[in-house]
Every structure is written in structure tokens, then in C-alpha cells.
Protein backbone atom coordinates (compact mmCIF):
# COMPACT_ATOMS: atom_id res chain seq x y z
CA MET A 1 58.14 147.04 32.77
CA ARG A 2 57.92 143.41 32.14
CA ASP A 3 61.29 142.57 33.12
CA SER A 4 59.91 144.03 36.84
CA VAL A 5 56.72 142.10 36.53
CA ALA A 6 58.65 139.10 36.16
CA ILE A 7 61.35 139.63 38.98
CA GLU A 8 58.31 140.12 40.90
CA LYS A 9 56.93 136.92 40.05
CA LEU A 10 60.31 135.14 40.42
CA HIS A 11 60.69 136.76 43.90
CA ARG A 12 57.35 135.48 44.75
CA LEU A 13 58.08 131.80 43.41
CA ILE A 14 61.02 131.84 45.72
CA ARG A 15 59.23 132.77 48.59
CA THR A 16 56.65 130.60 48.26
CA LYS A 17 59.23 127.69 47.52
CA VAL A 18 61.21 128.62 50.68
CA ARG A 19 58.10 128.48 52.93
CA HIS A 20 57.07 125.40 51.42
CA GLU A 21 60.69 123.93 52.36
CA LEU A 22 60.35 125.25 56.01
CA VAL A 23 56.95 123.82 56.49
CA THR A 24 58.12 120.61 55.14
CA MET A 25 61.23 120.43 56.97
CA LEU A 26 59.24 120.95 60.22
CA MET A 27 56.60 118.62 59.43
CA SER A 28 59.68 116.00 58.77
CA ILE A 29 61.15 117.05 62.55
CA LEU A 30 57.68 116.83 63.65
CA LEU A 31 57.28 113.21 62.24
CA GLY A 32 60.52 112.23 63.67
CA CYS A 33 59.34 113.43 67.15
CA GLY A 34 55.85 111.56 66.78
CA VAL A 35 57.90 107.92 65.90
CA PHE A 36 59.52 108.68 69.27
CA MET A 37 56.79 109.44 71.24
CA LEU A 38 55.06 106.25 69.75
CA ILE A 39 58.12 103.92 70.98
CA VAL A 40 57.83 105.56 74.18
CA ALA A 41 54.09 105.32 74.45
CA LEU A 42 54.16 101.65 73.02
CA ALA A 43 56.64 101.05 76.00
CA LYS A 44 54.14 102.75 78.61
CA GLY A 45 51.08 101.13 76.98
CA ASN A 46 48.95 104.29 76.44
CA TRP A 47 49.17 105.66 73.17
CA LEU A 48 46.38 108.43 73.77
CA VAL A 49 48.48 110.82 76.03
CA PHE A 50 51.13 111.28 73.20
CA ALA A 51 48.75 111.22 70.38
CA ALA A 52 46.53 114.27 71.58
CA PRO A 53 49.57 116.43 71.78
CA LEU A 54 51.27 115.34 68.57
CA SER A 55 47.72 115.96 66.80
CA LEU A 56 47.47 119.44 68.21
CA TRP A 57 51.22 120.25 66.93
CA LEU A 58 50.14 118.84 63.26
CA ALA A 59 47.47 121.17 63.10
CA VAL A 60 48.86 124.32 64.61
CA ILE A 61 52.10 123.58 62.17
CA SER A 62 49.82 122.96 59.13
CA PHE A 63 48.20 126.50 59.01
CA PRO A 64 50.93 128.62 57.84
CA THR A 65 50.60 126.45 54.40
CA ASN A 66 47.38 128.07 54.14
CA SER A 67 48.19 131.55 54.96
CA LYS A 68 50.46 133.46 52.45
CA GLY A 69 51.33 137.10 52.58
CA SER A 70 49.29 139.78 54.77
CA GLY A 71 45.73 140.10 54.84
CA ALA A 72 45.86 143.71 52.95
CA ARG A 73 47.91 141.75 50.14
CA LYS A 74 45.07 139.02 49.78
CA ARG A 75 42.35 141.53 49.75
CA ALA A 76 44.22 143.71 47.48
CA ARG A 77 44.88 140.92 44.86
CA GLY A 78 41.74 138.89 45.58
CA HIS A 79 41.05 135.12 45.37
CA GLN A 80 42.73 134.76 42.03
CA ALA A 81 46.13 136.07 43.69
CA ARG A 82 45.62 133.60 46.69
CA ARG A 83 45.41 130.80 44.51
CA VAL A 84 48.82 132.02 42.41
CA LEU A 85 50.32 132.39 45.80
CA GLN A 86 49.35 129.13 46.99
CA PRO A 87 49.71 126.08 44.82
CA LYS A 88 46.77 123.77 44.93
CA GLY A 89 48.66 120.97 46.73
CA GLN A 90 49.60 123.45 49.63
CA ARG A 91 45.85 124.54 49.56
CA TRP A 92 44.68 121.07 50.58
CA GLY A 93 48.03 120.39 52.51
CA TRP A 94 46.47 121.76 55.85
CA LYS A 95 43.07 119.83 55.52
CA ILE A 96 45.24 116.80 54.69
CA CYS A 97 47.24 117.13 57.79
CA LEU A 98 44.11 117.83 59.91
CA LEU A 99 42.09 114.92 58.83
CA GLY A 100 45.63 112.72 59.67
CA ALA A 101 45.52 114.50 63.12
CA VAL A 102 42.40 113.33 63.74
CA TRP A 103 43.13 109.62 62.41
CA PHE A 104 45.88 109.46 64.78
CA THR A 105 44.19 110.63 67.66
CA ALA A 106 41.46 108.02 67.17
CA GLY A 107 43.49 105.38 65.89
CA GLY A 108 45.77 106.16 69.12
CA GLY A 109 42.58 105.64 71.77
CA LEU A 110 41.72 102.30 69.81
CA TRP A 111 44.94 100.82 69.50
CA SER A 112 45.83 101.50 73.07
CA ARG A 113 43.14 98.95 73.83
CA VAL A 114 44.41 96.19 71.39
CA GLY A 115 45.90 93.13 73.10
CA LYS A 116 44.12 94.06 76.51
CA PRO A 117 41.80 91.36 76.98
CA ASN A 118 38.47 92.17 78.89
CA VAL A 119 39.03 90.56 82.17
CA SER A 120 36.83 90.02 85.04
CA ASN A 121 37.72 89.90 88.78
CA ALA A 122 36.99 86.16 88.69
CA ASP A 123 39.48 85.65 85.53
CA ILE A 124 41.97 87.23 87.39
CA ALA A 125 41.34 85.65 90.85
CA ALA A 126 41.52 82.17 88.92
CA ALA A 127 44.81 83.22 87.36
CA ILE A 128 46.74 83.86 90.45
CA ASP A 129 45.15 80.59 91.84
CA GLU A 130 47.06 79.27 89.06
CA GLY A 131 50.24 80.84 89.74
CA ARG A 132 50.11 79.69 93.37
CA ALA A 133 49.51 76.40 92.65
CA LEU A 134 52.90 76.38 90.62
CA PHE A 135 54.54 78.22 93.49
CA GLU A 136 53.39 75.48 96.00
CA ALA A 137 54.96 72.89 93.89
CA GLN A 138 58.14 74.78 93.94
CA ARG A 139 58.19 75.66 90.35
CA TYR A 140 59.49 79.03 91.09
CA ASN A 141 60.59 80.19 87.35
CA ALA A 142 57.52 78.98 85.91
CA ALA A 143 55.18 80.79 88.58
CA LEU A 144 57.04 83.92 87.98
CA SER A 145 56.54 83.70 84.37
CA HIS A 146 52.98 83.40 84.89
CA PHE A 147 52.26 86.09 87.32
CA ARG A 148 53.97 88.25 85.19
CA SER A 149 51.85 87.42 82.39
CA ILE A 150 48.61 88.10 84.13
CA TYR A 151 47.06 91.14 82.95
CA VAL A 152 45.35 93.28 85.52
CA PRO A 153 43.58 96.50 84.81
CA ASP A 154 43.88 99.49 86.74
CA CYS A 155 40.18 99.28 88.28
CA PHE A 156 41.45 96.38 90.17
CA PRO A 157 44.12 97.60 92.61
CA TYR A 158 44.06 94.77 95.14
CA ARG A 159 44.60 92.16 92.38
CA LYS A 160 47.24 94.29 91.25
CA ALA A 161 48.88 94.00 95.03
CA GLN A 162 48.28 90.24 94.88
CA LYS A 163 50.15 90.08 91.79
CA TYR A 164 53.31 92.00 92.88
CA HIS A 165 53.18 90.43 96.28
CA ASN A 166 53.56 86.94 94.64
CA ILE A 167 56.14 88.07 92.10
CA GLY A 168 58.05 89.40 95.05
CA LEU A 169 58.06 86.44 96.97
CA ILE A 170 59.04 84.23 94.49
CA GLN A 171 61.90 86.58 93.64
CA TYR A 172 62.93 86.43 97.51
CA LYS A 173 62.57 82.51 97.23
CA LEU A 174 65.21 82.64 94.02
CA ASN A 175 67.59 85.06 96.19
CA ASN A 176 66.67 88.06 93.98
CA ASN A 177 66.19 90.38 96.92
CA THR A 178 66.62 93.61 94.85
CA ALA A 179 63.88 92.56 92.46
CA ALA A 180 61.81 91.14 95.19
CA GLU A 181 61.85 94.70 97.13
CA ALA A 182 60.76 96.31 93.96
CA ALA A 183 58.18 94.21 93.51
CA LEU A 184 56.81 94.45 97.01
CA LYS A 185 57.06 97.86 97.37
CA ARG A 186 54.72 97.95 94.33
CA ALA A 187 52.37 95.59 96.12
CA VAL A 188 52.17 98.10 99.00
CA SER A 189 51.80 100.85 96.80
CA TYR A 190 48.34 99.11 95.59
CA ASP A 191 47.42 97.90 99.02
CA PRO A 192 48.72 100.07 101.93
CA GLU A 193 47.56 97.20 104.41
CA ASP A 194 49.14 94.35 102.93
CA LEU A 195 51.25 93.29 106.13
CA ASP A 196 52.71 90.47 104.74
CA ALA A 197 54.46 92.20 101.81
CA TYR A 198 55.55 94.88 104.78
CA TYR A 199 56.79 91.70 106.78
CA LEU A 200 59.07 90.32 103.55
CA LEU A 201 60.20 94.03 103.07
CA ILE A 202 61.47 94.40 106.74
CA LEU A 203 62.92 90.77 106.55
CA ILE A 204 64.79 91.70 103.31
CA ALA A 205 66.00 94.92 105.06
CA CYS A 206 67.42 93.03 107.80
CA GLU A 207 69.20 90.54 105.82
CA SER A 208 70.89 93.14 103.71
CA ASN A 209 72.08 94.71 107.24
CA ASP A 210 70.10 97.83 106.19
CA TYR A 211 68.18 98.47 109.46
CA ASP A 212 67.58 101.99 108.84
CA LYS A 213 65.43 100.79 105.90
CA ALA A 214 63.76 98.28 108.02
CA TYR A 215 62.92 100.64 110.72
CA GLU A 216 61.64 102.89 107.92
CA TYR A 217 59.25 99.93 106.82
CA ILE A 218 58.15 99.22 110.12
CA CYS A 219 57.00 102.73 110.99
CA GLU A 220 54.98 102.77 107.33
CA ALA A 221 53.69 99.61 107.85
CA LYS A 222 52.06 100.93 111.58
CA ALA A 223 51.01 103.99 109.72
CA ASN A 224 49.17 102.07 107.45
CA ILE A 225 47.49 99.53 109.66
CA GLY A 226 45.94 102.22 112.14
CA PRO A 227 45.35 101.49 116.03
CA ALA A 228 45.39 97.73 115.35
CA GLY A 229 49.15 97.40 115.33
CA LEU A 230 51.12 94.76 113.96
CA PRO A 231 50.50 90.97 114.28
CA THR A 232 52.58 89.26 116.68
CA HIS A 233 54.70 87.59 114.43
CA PHE A 234 56.41 90.85 113.25
CA GLU A 235 57.84 91.30 116.97
CA PRO A 236 60.93 89.28 116.65
CA LEU A 237 61.87 91.57 113.66
CA ILE A 238 61.11 94.45 115.43
CA HIS A 239 63.13 93.86 118.51
CA ARG A 240 66.01 92.62 116.28
CA VAL A 241 65.76 96.15 114.18
CA ARG A 242 65.21 98.02 117.84
CA THR A 243 68.19 96.12 119.48
CA THR A 244 70.47 96.83 116.46
CA LEU A 245 69.69 100.68 116.08
CA LYS A 246 69.16 101.15 119.76
CA LYS A 247 65.99 102.61 119.74
CA ASP A 248 63.68 102.39 122.44
């Protein structure tokens, strides 16, 4: 009789140990995933997007450590049985995990704002003027570094367009047409009526002999500007593109 009780206790201990090791392994995997997502979040500049799902996963995966055996077994053996099946460390494990998940979410939301200054529209305008002064002095590399360093919140899309427009213009002056095109495309994504950016995009496409892309930019600019039509300084480029593609 004693042997059977001892064997049952041993089996119960083994099951508890196995469950504990499985949960530990899963938590280690989640920790690794969390580190990876934090690295991605750092690159994206938004921790909260990744902190919230990770917190949910931590909360969900922590609950099995607090549920040992079926409901019938727990009711049959009572509170003492639950204490035997669930060591003290595991009883508090899910609470600590939930607390850590809440802290991680809150900390991530706060950290996402660290290092991002509270700037006004006037501050951004002044910084852009400084960059333009460097550009006009033909200090292109210094101007490029300056514009890249300007922080523009999402609530100022027009200023974002100005930032990337100037970056594209500088890259064009430095003969980096690929980088210039990428920056100018970002500029028109924030300000679809930025005709100067469209002009440079059309010009870059023509210089690359990509007249199909130039024609696409012309059509896109016309669609965004509406009935007013494109300014007269576009006409030589439009004529060049239409002549090459034999468009009417």
C-alpha cells in the first residue's frame, strides 16, 4: 500500500516537473521572440505595437502554471492537494508574469516617446530654413545630414513632405538619382500637390531614359493637381516624353 502511494507521489512529482520544464521552455521561446520584436520595434520606432501582443502571449502562457490537474481532481483533493501539486514558486509565477507583462506594455508605450522631442511647427520651419541655407551655400553633404536629422511628427505631413523634398533635391545634386527618386516619392506621398517634387521625378526618369515611368509621373501629377493643370515649365518635359513614346 505504501509502495503504491509512494509510486503515485513520484508520478505526480514527475508530471509536475515535466509541466514546469515545458512552461519554462515556452517562456524561454517567448523571451527570444520578445527580444527579436524589440529589435524590430527599435528600428520602427514604435514599441507599443509589439509590446501589446507580447504581453498578451505572456499572460496566456502563464496560466497553465496555475492549473494542475482536472477540476474534479482539485475538488476531490481540496485546497491542500492544490498546494501539493503546485509549488509555491509556481503559484506566484503567473502573477509575476502578468505583472511583468503590464510593466512591459506600459514601459514600451513610454519608451516609444523617449528621445522624440516635443517640437512645434515653428521649430520645424526654422530647422528647414537652416537646411536650405546650407543648400544654397552648396554645402550639400552638410545640408543632407541636417535634413535627415530633423524630427517631424506625423501630425505635420506638409513638413514631412518638405523634409523629403529637400533630401531628394540634394541627392539629385549629388547625382544619387535612385536615392533622390525614393525621397521625392515619399515627399509626394505626404503632399500629393508638390509639383516641384513631381517635376524632379519626371526629370530623373527622363535622364534615366525611363520614359514610361516619366509618363506615369505626369499622369499622377495631373490627377493630383486637378483642373488647374500643370504649370508651363512642365511643357518641355511633357513634350519630350510624348514625342519619345509617340503619345498624342
